[in-house]
Amino acid sequence: DRTVVGIEDDVLDLDAVGDTDVVLS
């Protein structure tokens, strides 16, 4: 419907992302 029920991230440049958390669930 209009609700976020899941998030998943593909990290393609780890250096650019840095040390922050990503959502891999």
mmCIF file of all heavy atoms, coordinates in Angstrom:
data_MODEL
# 
_entry.id   MODEL 
# 
loop_
_atom_site.group_PDB 
_atom_site.id 
_atom_site.type_symbol 
_atom_site.label_atom_id 
_atom_site.label_alt_id 
_atom_site.label_comp_id 
_atom_site.label_asym_id 
_atom_site.label_entity_id 
_atom_site.label_seq_id 
_atom_site.pdbx_PDB_ins_code 
_atom_site.Cartn_x 
_atom_site.Cartn_y 
_atom_site.Cartn_z 
_atom_site.occupancy 
_atom_site.B_iso_or_equiv 
_atom_site.pdbx_formal_charge 
_atom_site.auth_seq_id 
_atom_site.auth_comp_id 
_atom_site.auth_asym_id 
_atom_site.auth_atom_id 
_atom_site.pdbx_PDB_model_num 
ATOM 1   N N   . ASP A 1 1  ? 0.866  -1.179 0.000  1.00 0.00 ? 1  ASP A N   1 
ATOM 2   C CA  . ASP A 1 1  ? 0.000  0.000  0.000  1.00 0.00 ? 1  ASP A CA  1 
ATOM 3   C C   . ASP A 1 1  ? 0.912  1.241  0.000  1.00 0.00 ? 1  ASP A C   1 
ATOM 4   O O   . ASP A 1 1  ? 1.726  1.381  -0.897 1.00 0.00 ? 1  ASP A O   1 
ATOM 5   C CB  . ASP A 1 1  ? -0.957 -0.027 1.185  1.00 0.00 ? 1  ASP A CB  1 
ATOM 6   C CG  . ASP A 1 1  ? -1.902 -1.228 1.130  1.00 0.00 ? 1  ASP A CG  1 
ATOM 7   O OD1 . ASP A 1 1  ? -2.277 -1.618 0.003  1.00 0.00 ? 1  ASP A OD1 1 
ATOM 8   O OD2 . ASP A 1 1  ? -2.240 -1.774 2.187  1.00 0.00 ? 1  ASP A OD2 1 
ATOM 9   N N   . ARG A 1 2  ? 0.845  2.076  1.031  1.00 0.00 ? 2  ARG A N   1 
ATOM 10  C CA  . ARG A 1 2  ? 1.693  3.265  1.058  1.00 0.00 ? 2  ARG A CA  1 
ATOM 11  C C   . ARG A 1 2  ? 2.681  3.227  2.220  1.00 0.00 ? 2  ARG A C   1 
ATOM 12  O O   . ARG A 1 2  ? 3.095  4.268  2.730  1.00 0.00 ? 2  ARG A O   1 
ATOM 13  C CB  . ARG A 1 2  ? 0.828  4.527  1.143  1.00 0.00 ? 2  ARG A CB  1 
ATOM 14  C CG  . ARG A 1 2  ? -0.058 4.744  -0.074 1.00 0.00 ? 2  ARG A CG  1 
ATOM 15  C CD  . ARG A 1 2  ? -0.758 6.076  -0.041 1.00 0.00 ? 2  ARG A CD  1 
ATOM 16  N NE  . ARG A 1 2  ? -1.417 6.359  -1.320 1.00 0.00 ? 2  ARG A NE  1 
ATOM 17  C CZ  . ARG A 1 2  ? -1.859 7.540  -1.708 1.00 0.00 ? 2  ARG A CZ  1 
ATOM 18  N NH1 . ARG A 1 2  ? -1.704 8.591  -0.907 1.00 0.00 ? 2  ARG A NH1 1 
ATOM 19  N NH2 . ARG A 1 2  ? -2.459 7.708  -2.868 1.00 0.00 ? 2  ARG A NH2 1 
ATOM 20  N N   . THR A 1 3  ? 3.087  2.024  2.586  1.00 0.00 ? 3  THR A N   1 
ATOM 21  C CA  . THR A 1 3  ? 3.956  1.854  3.748  1.00 0.00 ? 3  THR A CA  1 
ATOM 22  C C   . THR A 1 3  ? 5.232  1.131  3.346  1.00 0.00 ? 3  THR A C   1 
ATOM 23  O O   . THR A 1 3  ? 5.189  0.137  2.614  1.00 0.00 ? 3  THR A O   1 
ATOM 24  C CB  . THR A 1 3  ? 3.234  1.040  4.838  1.00 0.00 ? 3  THR A CB  1 
ATOM 25  O OG1 . THR A 1 3  ? 2.017  1.698  5.186  1.00 0.00 ? 3  THR A OG1 1 
ATOM 26  C CG2 . THR A 1 3  ? 4.110  0.887  6.070  1.00 0.00 ? 3  THR A CG2 1 
ATOM 27  N N   . VAL A 1 4  ? 6.356  1.618  3.840  1.00 0.00 ? 4  VAL A N   1 
ATOM 28  C CA  . VAL A 1 4  ? 7.639  0.935  3.630  1.00 0.00 ? 4  VAL A CA  1 
ATOM 29  C C   . VAL A 1 4  ? 7.688  -0.282 4.546  1.00 0.00 ? 4  VAL A C   1 
ATOM 30  O O   . VAL A 1 4  ? 7.557  -0.153 5.772  1.00 0.00 ? 4  VAL A O   1 
ATOM 31  C CB  . VAL A 1 4  ? 8.822  1.873  3.938  1.00 0.00 ? 4  VAL A CB  1 
ATOM 32  C CG1 . VAL A 1 4  ? 10.145 1.112  3.801  1.00 0.00 ? 4  VAL A CG1 1 
ATOM 33  C CG2 . VAL A 1 4  ? 8.795  3.080  3.011  1.00 0.00 ? 4  VAL A CG2 1 
ATOM 34  N N   . VAL A 1 5  ? 7.860  -1.470 3.969  1.00 0.00 ? 5  VAL A N   1 
ATOM 35  C CA  . VAL A 1 5  ? 7.903  -2.698 4.765  1.00 0.00 ? 5  VAL A CA  1 
ATOM 36  C C   . VAL A 1 5  ? 9.268  -3.373 4.717  1.00 0.00 ? 5  VAL A C   1 
ATOM 37  O O   . VAL A 1 5  ? 9.513  -4.323 5.461  1.00 0.00 ? 5  VAL A O   1 
ATOM 38  C CB  . VAL A 1 5  ? 6.812  -3.693 4.309  1.00 0.00 ? 5  VAL A CB  1 
ATOM 39  C CG1 . VAL A 1 5  ? 5.425  -3.111 4.536  1.00 0.00 ? 5  VAL A CG1 1 
ATOM 40  C CG2 . VAL A 1 5  ? 6.997  -4.080 2.841  1.00 0.00 ? 5  VAL A CG2 1 
ATOM 41  N N   . GLY A 1 6  ? 10.148 -2.901 3.857  1.00 0.00 ? 6  GLY A N   1 
ATOM 42  C CA  . GLY A 1 6  ? 11.466 -3.511 3.787  1.00 0.00 ? 6  GLY A CA  1 
ATOM 43  C C   . GLY A 1 6  ? 12.446 -2.632 3.049  1.00 0.00 ? 6  GLY A C   1 
ATOM 44  O O   . GLY A 1 6  ? 12.081 -1.900 2.113  1.00 0.00 ? 6  GLY A O   1 
ATOM 45  N N   . ILE A 1 7  ? 13.690 -2.671 3.485  1.00 0.00 ? 7  ILE A N   1 
ATOM 46  C CA  . ILE A 1 7  ? 14.761 -1.894 2.857  1.00 0.00 ? 7  ILE A CA  1 
ATOM 47  C C   . ILE A 1 7  ? 15.978 -2.792 2.729  1.00 0.00 ? 7  ILE A C   1 
ATOM 48  O O   . ILE A 1 7  ? 16.326 -3.529 3.653  1.00 0.00 ? 7  ILE A O   1 
ATOM 49  C CB  . ILE A 1 7  ? 15.125 -0.652 3.695  1.00 0.00 ? 7  ILE A CB  1 
ATOM 50  C CG1 . ILE A 1 7  ? 13.913 0.289  3.820  1.00 0.00 ? 7  ILE A CG1 1 
ATOM 51  C CG2 . ILE A 1 7  ? 16.309 0.089  3.074  1.00 0.00 ? 7  ILE A CG2 1 
ATOM 52  C CD1 . ILE A 1 7  ? 14.151 1.440  4.786  1.00 0.00 ? 7  ILE A CD1 1 
ATOM 53  N N   . GLU A 1 8  ? 16.613 -2.742 1.564  1.00 0.00 ? 8  GLU A N   1 
ATOM 54  C CA  . GLU A 1 8  ? 17.855 -3.486 1.377  1.00 0.00 ? 8  GLU A CA  1 
ATOM 55  C C   . GLU A 1 8  ? 18.819 -2.654 0.552  1.00 0.00 ? 8  GLU A C   1 
ATOM 56  O O   . GLU A 1 8  ? 18.420 -2.026 -0.437 1.00 0.00 ? 8  GLU A O   1 
ATOM 57  C CB  . GLU A 1 8  ? 17.589 -4.817 0.666  1.00 0.00 ? 8  GLU A CB  1 
ATOM 58  C CG  . GLU A 1 8  ? 18.867 -5.626 0.454  1.00 0.00 ? 8  GLU A CG  1 
ATOM 59  C CD  . GLU A 1 8  ? 18.599 -6.931 -0.265 1.00 0.00 ? 8  GLU A CD  1 
ATOM 60  O OE1 . GLU A 1 8  ? 17.480 -7.439 -0.132 1.00 0.00 ? 8  GLU A OE1 1 
ATOM 61  O OE2 . GLU A 1 8  ? 19.503 -7.405 -0.947 1.00 0.00 ? 8  GLU A OE2 1 
ATOM 62  N N   . ASP A 1 9  ? 20.083 -2.638 0.954  1.00 0.00 ? 9  ASP A N   1 
ATOM 63  C CA  . ASP A 1 9  ? 21.089 -1.827 0.275  1.00 0.00 ? 9  ASP A CA  1 
ATOM 64  C C   . ASP A 1 9  ? 22.127 -2.697 -0.414 1.00 0.00 ? 9  ASP A C   1 
ATOM 65  O O   . ASP A 1 9  ? 22.585 -3.700 0.136  1.00 0.00 ? 9  ASP A O   1 
ATOM 66  C CB  . ASP A 1 9  ? 21.808 -0.914 1.274  1.00 0.00 ? 9  ASP A CB  1 
ATOM 67  C CG  . ASP A 1 9  ? 20.903 0.174  1.818  1.00 0.00 ? 9  ASP A CG  1 
ATOM 68  O OD1 . ASP A 1 9  ? 19.943 0.526  1.103  1.00 0.00 ? 9  ASP A OD1 1 
ATOM 69  O OD2 . ASP A 1 9  ? 21.150 0.652  2.938  1.00 0.00 ? 9  ASP A OD2 1 
ATOM 70  N N   . ASP A 1 10 ? 22.483 -2.296 -1.636 1.00 0.00 ? 10 ASP A N   1 
ATOM 71  C CA  . ASP A 1 10 ? 23.646 -2.842 -2.333 1.00 0.00 ? 10 ASP A CA  1 
ATOM 72  C C   . ASP A 1 10 ? 24.738 -1.778 -2.284 1.00 0.00 ? 10 ASP A C   1 
ATOM 73  O O   . ASP A 1 10 ? 24.592 -0.713 -2.890 1.00 0.00 ? 10 ASP A O   1 
ATOM 74  C CB  . ASP A 1 10 ? 23.322 -3.155 -3.799 1.00 0.00 ? 10 ASP A CB  1 
ATOM 75  C CG  . ASP A 1 10 ? 22.252 -4.216 -3.934 1.00 0.00 ? 10 ASP A CG  1 
ATOM 76  O OD1 . ASP A 1 10 ? 22.168 -5.076 -3.054 1.00 0.00 ? 10 ASP A OD1 1 
ATOM 77  O OD2 . ASP A 1 10 ? 21.510 -4.174 -4.935 1.00 0.00 ? 10 ASP A OD2 1 
ATOM 78  N N   . VAL A 1 11 ? 25.816 -2.055 -1.570 1.00 0.00 ? 11 VAL A N   1 
ATOM 79  C CA  . VAL A 1 11 ? 26.925 -1.105 -1.485 1.00 0.00 ? 11 VAL A CA  1 
ATOM 80  C C   . VAL A 1 11 ? 27.872 -1.382 -2.644 1.00 0.00 ? 11 VAL A C   1 
ATOM 81  O O   . VAL A 1 11 ? 28.458 -2.459 -2.737 1.00 0.00 ? 11 VAL A O   1 
ATOM 82  C CB  . VAL A 1 11 ? 27.665 -1.233 -0.146 1.00 0.00 ? 11 VAL A CB  1 
ATOM 83  C CG1 . VAL A 1 11 ? 28.839 -0.261 -0.109 1.00 0.00 ? 11 VAL A CG1 1 
ATOM 84  C CG2 . VAL A 1 11 ? 26.717 -0.974 1.012  1.00 0.00 ? 11 VAL A CG2 1 
ATOM 85  N N   . LEU A 1 12 ? 28.007 -0.416 -3.531 1.00 0.00 ? 12 LEU A N   1 
ATOM 86  C CA  . LEU A 1 12 ? 28.831 -0.605 -4.719 1.00 0.00 ? 12 LEU A CA  1 
ATOM 87  C C   . LEU A 1 12 ? 30.184 0.088  -4.607 1.00 0.00 ? 12 LEU A C   1 
ATOM 88  O O   . LEU A 1 12 ? 31.088 -0.203 -5.385 1.00 0.00 ? 12 LEU A O   1 
ATOM 89  C CB  . LEU A 1 12 ? 28.083 -0.090 -5.959 1.00 0.00 ? 12 LEU A CB  1 
ATOM 90  C CG  . LEU A 1 12 ? 26.703 -0.717 -6.197 1.00 0.00 ? 12 LEU A CG  1 
ATOM 91  C CD1 . LEU A 1 12 ? 26.117 -0.193 -7.500 1.00 0.00 ? 12 LEU A CD1 1 
ATOM 92  C CD2 . LEU A 1 12 ? 26.785 -2.228 -6.227 1.00 0.00 ? 12 LEU A CD2 1 
ATOM 93  N N   . ASP A 1 13 ? 30.326 1.004  -3.648 1.00 0.00 ? 13 ASP A N   1 
ATOM 94  C CA  . ASP A 1 13 ? 31.603 1.693  -3.435 1.00 0.00 ? 13 ASP A CA  1 
ATOM 95  C C   . ASP A 1 13 ? 31.794 1.851  -1.932 1.00 0.00 ? 13 ASP A C   1 
ATOM 96  O O   . ASP A 1 13 ? 31.363 2.838  -1.334 1.00 0.00 ? 13 ASP A O   1 
ATOM 97  C CB  . ASP A 1 13 ? 31.589 3.056  -4.135 1.00 0.00 ? 13 ASP A CB  1 
ATOM 98  C CG  . ASP A 1 13 ? 32.964 3.724  -4.117 1.00 0.00 ? 13 ASP A CG  1 
ATOM 99  O OD1 . ASP A 1 13 ? 33.800 3.341  -3.264 1.00 0.00 ? 13 ASP A OD1 1 
ATOM 100 O OD2 . ASP A 1 13 ? 33.194 4.631  -4.941 1.00 0.00 ? 13 ASP A OD2 1 
ATOM 101 N N   . LEU A 1 14 ? 32.421 0.856  -1.318 1.00 0.00 ? 14 LEU A N   1 
ATOM 102 C CA  . LEU A 1 14 ? 32.547 0.822  0.132  1.00 0.00 ? 14 LEU A CA  1 
ATOM 103 C C   . LEU A 1 14 ? 33.355 2.000  0.657  1.00 0.00 ? 14 LEU A C   1 
ATOM 104 O O   . LEU A 1 14 ? 33.054 2.552  1.717  1.00 0.00 ? 14 LEU A O   1 
ATOM 105 C CB  . LEU A 1 14 ? 33.198 -0.498 0.564  1.00 0.00 ? 14 LEU A CB  1 
ATOM 106 C CG  . LEU A 1 14 ? 33.191 -0.809 2.053  1.00 0.00 ? 14 LEU A CG  1 
ATOM 107 C CD1 . LEU A 1 14 ? 31.761 -0.841 2.575  1.00 0.00 ? 14 LEU A CD1 1 
ATOM 108 C CD2 . LEU A 1 14 ? 33.907 -2.121 2.331  1.00 0.00 ? 14 LEU A CD2 1 
ATOM 109 N N   . ASP A 1 15 ? 34.375 2.428  -0.091 1.00 0.00 ? 15 ASP A N   1 
ATOM 110 C CA  . ASP A 1 15 ? 35.188 3.554  0.357  1.00 0.00 ? 15 ASP A CA  1 
ATOM 111 C C   . ASP A 1 15 ? 34.366 4.831  0.433  1.00 0.00 ? 15 ASP A C   1 
ATOM 112 O O   . ASP A 1 15 ? 34.523 5.645  1.355  1.00 0.00 ? 15 ASP A O   1 
ATOM 113 C CB  . ASP A 1 15 ? 36.371 3.768  -0.595 1.00 0.00 ? 15 ASP A CB  1 
ATOM 114 C CG  . ASP A 1 15 ? 37.368 2.616  -0.514 1.00 0.00 ? 15 ASP A CG  1 
ATOM 115 O OD1 . ASP A 1 15 ? 37.408 1.956  0.543  1.00 0.00 ? 15 ASP A OD1 1 
ATOM 116 O OD2 . ASP A 1 15 ? 38.085 2.394  -1.510 1.00 0.00 ? 15 ASP A OD2 1 
ATOM 117 N N   . ALA A 1 16 ? 33.479 4.997  -0.516 1.00 0.00 ? 16 ALA A N   1 
ATOM 118 C CA  . ALA A 1 16 ? 32.659 6.211  -0.521 1.00 0.00 ? 16 ALA A CA  1 
ATOM 119 C C   . ALA A 1 16 ? 31.636 6.186  0.597  1.00 0.00 ? 16 ALA A C   1 
ATOM 120 O O   . ALA A 1 16 ? 31.301 7.223  1.175  1.00 0.00 ? 16 ALA A O   1 
ATOM 121 C CB  . ALA A 1 16 ? 31.965 6.374  -1.875 1.00 0.00 ? 16 ALA A CB  1 
ATOM 122 N N   . VAL A 1 17 ? 31.121 4.992  0.926  1.00 0.00 ? 17 VAL A N   1 
ATOM 123 C CA  . VAL A 1 17 ? 30.140 4.886  1.998  1.00 0.00 ? 17 VAL A CA  1 
ATOM 124 C C   . VAL A 1 17 ? 30.795 5.137  3.349  1.00 0.00 ? 17 VAL A C   1 
ATOM 125 O O   . VAL A 1 17 ? 30.212 5.735  4.249  1.00 0.00 ? 17 VAL A O   1 
ATOM 126 C CB  . VAL A 1 17 ? 29.459 3.498  1.975  1.00 0.00 ? 17 VAL A CB  1 
ATOM 127 C CG1 . VAL A 1 17 ? 28.609 3.295  3.215  1.00 0.00 ? 17 VAL A CG1 1 
ATOM 128 C CG2 . VAL A 1 17 ? 28.622 3.364  0.719  1.00 0.00 ? 17 VAL A CG2 1 
ATOM 129 N N   . GLY A 1 18 ? 31.997 4.657  3.507  1.00 0.00 ? 18 GLY A N   1 
ATOM 130 C CA  . GLY A 1 18 ? 32.700 4.863  4.773  1.00 0.00 ? 18 GLY A CA  1 
ATOM 131 C C   . GLY A 1 18 ? 32.293 3.845  5.818  1.00 0.00 ? 18 GLY A C   1 
ATOM 132 O O   . GLY A 1 18 ? 31.948 2.705  5.514  1.00 0.00 ? 18 GLY A O   1 
ATOM 133 N N   . ASP A 1 19 ? 32.354 4.252  7.097  1.00 0.00 ? 19 ASP A N   1 
ATOM 134 C CA  . ASP A 1 19 ? 32.125 3.328  8.211  1.00 0.00 ? 19 ASP A CA  1 
ATOM 135 C C   . ASP A 1 19 ? 30.673 3.270  8.670  1.00 0.00 ? 19 ASP A C   1 
ATOM 136 O O   . ASP A 1 19 ? 30.356 2.612  9.651  1.00 0.00 ? 19 ASP A O   1 
ATOM 137 C CB  . ASP A 1 19 ? 32.993 3.743  9.413  1.00 0.00 ? 19 ASP A CB  1 
ATOM 138 C CG  . ASP A 1 19 ? 34.476 3.683  9.076  1.00 0.00 ? 19 ASP A CG  1 
ATOM 139 O OD1 . ASP A 1 19 ? 34.835 2.814  8.250  1.00 0.00 ? 19 ASP A OD1 1 
ATOM 140 O OD2 . ASP A 1 19 ? 35.231 4.487  9.629  1.00 0.00 ? 19 ASP A OD2 1 
ATOM 141 N N   . THR A 1 20 ? 29.794 3.960  8.006  1.00 0.00 ? 20 THR A N   1 
ATOM 142 C CA  . THR A 1 20 ? 28.408 4.005  8.464  1.00 0.00 ? 20 THR A CA  1 
ATOM 143 C C   . THR A 1 20 ? 27.692 2.692  8.186  1.00 0.00 ? 20 THR A C   1 
ATOM 144 O O   . THR A 1 20 ? 28.103 1.897  7.347  1.00 0.00 ? 20 THR A O   1 
ATOM 145 C CB  . THR A 1 20 ? 27.664 5.150  7.761  1.00 0.00 ? 20 THR A CB  1 
ATOM 146 O OG1 . THR A 1 20 ? 27.804 4.987  6.346  1.00 0.00 ? 20 THR A OG1 1 
ATOM 147 C CG2 . THR A 1 20 ? 28.221 6.487  8.173  1.00 0.00 ? 20 THR A CG2 1 
ATOM 148 N N   . ASP A 1 21 ? 26.590 2.478  8.941  1.00 0.00 ? 21 ASP A N   1 
ATOM 149 C CA  . ASP A 1 21 ? 25.811 1.248  8.779  1.00 0.00 ? 21 ASP A CA  1 
ATOM 150 C C   . ASP A 1 21 ? 24.997 1.288  7.493  1.00 0.00 ? 21 ASP A C   1 
ATOM 151 O O   . ASP A 1 21 ? 24.567 2.339  7.046  1.00 0.00 ? 21 ASP A O   1 
ATOM 152 C CB  . ASP A 1 21 ? 24.839 1.072  9.958  1.00 0.00 ? 21 ASP A CB  1 
ATOM 153 C CG  . ASP A 1 21 ? 25.577 0.831  11.259 1.00 0.00 ? 21 ASP A CG  1 
ATOM 154 O OD1 . ASP A 1 21 ? 26.694 0.293  11.195 1.00 0.00 ? 21 ASP A OD1 1 
ATOM 155 O OD2 . ASP A 1 21 ? 25.023 1.188  12.317 1.00 0.00 ? 21 ASP A OD2 1 
ATOM 156 N N   . VAL A 1 22 ? 24.797 0.096  6.948  1.00 0.00 ? 22 VAL A N   1 
ATOM 157 C CA  . VAL A 1 22 ? 23.892 -0.048 5.806  1.00 0.00 ? 22 VAL A CA  1 
ATOM 158 C C   . VAL A 1 22 ? 22.862 -1.100 6.153  1.00 0.00 ? 22 VAL A C   1 
ATOM 159 O O   . VAL A 1 22 ? 23.070 -1.934 7.039  1.00 0.00 ? 22 VAL A O   1 
ATOM 160 C CB  . VAL A 1 22 ? 24.654 -0.453 4.525  1.00 0.00 ? 22 VAL A CB  1 
ATOM 161 C CG1 . VAL A 1 22 ? 25.584 0.641  4.093  1.00 0.00 ? 22 VAL A CG1 1 
ATOM 162 C CG2 . VAL A 1 22 ? 25.407 -1.769 4.728  1.00 0.00 ? 22 VAL A CG2 1 
ATOM 163 N N   . VAL A 1 23 ? 21.744 -1.065 5.452  1.00 0.00 ? 23 VAL A N   1 
ATOM 164 C CA  . VAL A 1 23 ? 20.643 -1.976 5.739  1.00 0.00 ? 23 VAL A CA  1 
ATOM 165 C C   . VAL A 1 23 ? 20.757 -3.185 4.829  1.00 0.00 ? 23 VAL A C   1 
ATOM 166 O O   . VAL A 1 23 ? 20.551 -3.089 3.627  1.00 0.00 ? 23 VAL A O   1 
ATOM 167 C CB  . VAL A 1 23 ? 19.285 -1.270 5.527  1.00 0.00 ? 23 VAL A CB  1 
ATOM 168 C CG1 . VAL A 1 23 ? 18.139 -2.206 5.868  1.00 0.00 ? 23 VAL A CG1 1 
ATOM 169 C CG2 . VAL A 1 23 ? 19.217 -0.012 6.374  1.00 0.00 ? 23 VAL A CG2 1 
ATOM 170 N N   . LEU A 1 24 ? 21.092 -4.344 5.412  1.00 0.00 ? 24 LEU A N   1 
ATOM 171 C CA  . LEU A 1 24 ? 21.285 -5.554 4.614  1.00 0.00 ? 24 LEU A CA  1 
ATOM 172 C C   . LEU A 1 24 ? 20.325 -6.660 5.021  1.00 0.00 ? 24 LEU A C   1 
ATOM 173 O O   . LEU A 1 24 ? 20.522 -7.811 4.676  1.00 0.00 ? 24 LEU A O   1 
ATOM 174 C CB  . LEU A 1 24 ? 22.729 -6.059 4.772  1.00 0.00 ? 24 LEU A CB  1 
ATOM 175 C CG  . LEU A 1 24 ? 23.812 -5.104 4.251  1.00 0.00 ? 24 LEU A CG  1 
ATOM 176 C CD1 . LEU A 1 24 ? 25.181 -5.632 4.632  1.00 0.00 ? 24 LEU A CD1 1 
ATOM 177 C CD2 . LEU A 1 24 ? 23.706 -4.951 2.743  1.00 0.00 ? 24 LEU A CD2 1 
ATOM 178 N N   . SER A 1 25 ? 19.268 -6.320 5.722  1.00 0.00 ? 25 SER A N   1 
ATOM 179 C CA  . SER A 1 25 ? 18.349 -7.343 6.205  1.00 0.00 ? 25 SER A CA  1 
ATOM 180 C C   . SER A 1 25 ? 17.408 -7.799 5.100  1.00 0.00 ? 25 SER A C   1 
ATOM 181 O O   . SER A 1 25 ? 17.250 -7.151 4.085  1.00 0.00 ? 25 SER A O   1 
ATOM 182 C CB  . SER A 1 25 ? 17.520 -6.785 7.366  1.00 0.00 ? 25 SER A CB  1 
ATOM 183 O OG  . SER A 1 25 ? 16.770 -5.675 6.913  1.00 0.00 ? 25 SER A OG  1 
# 
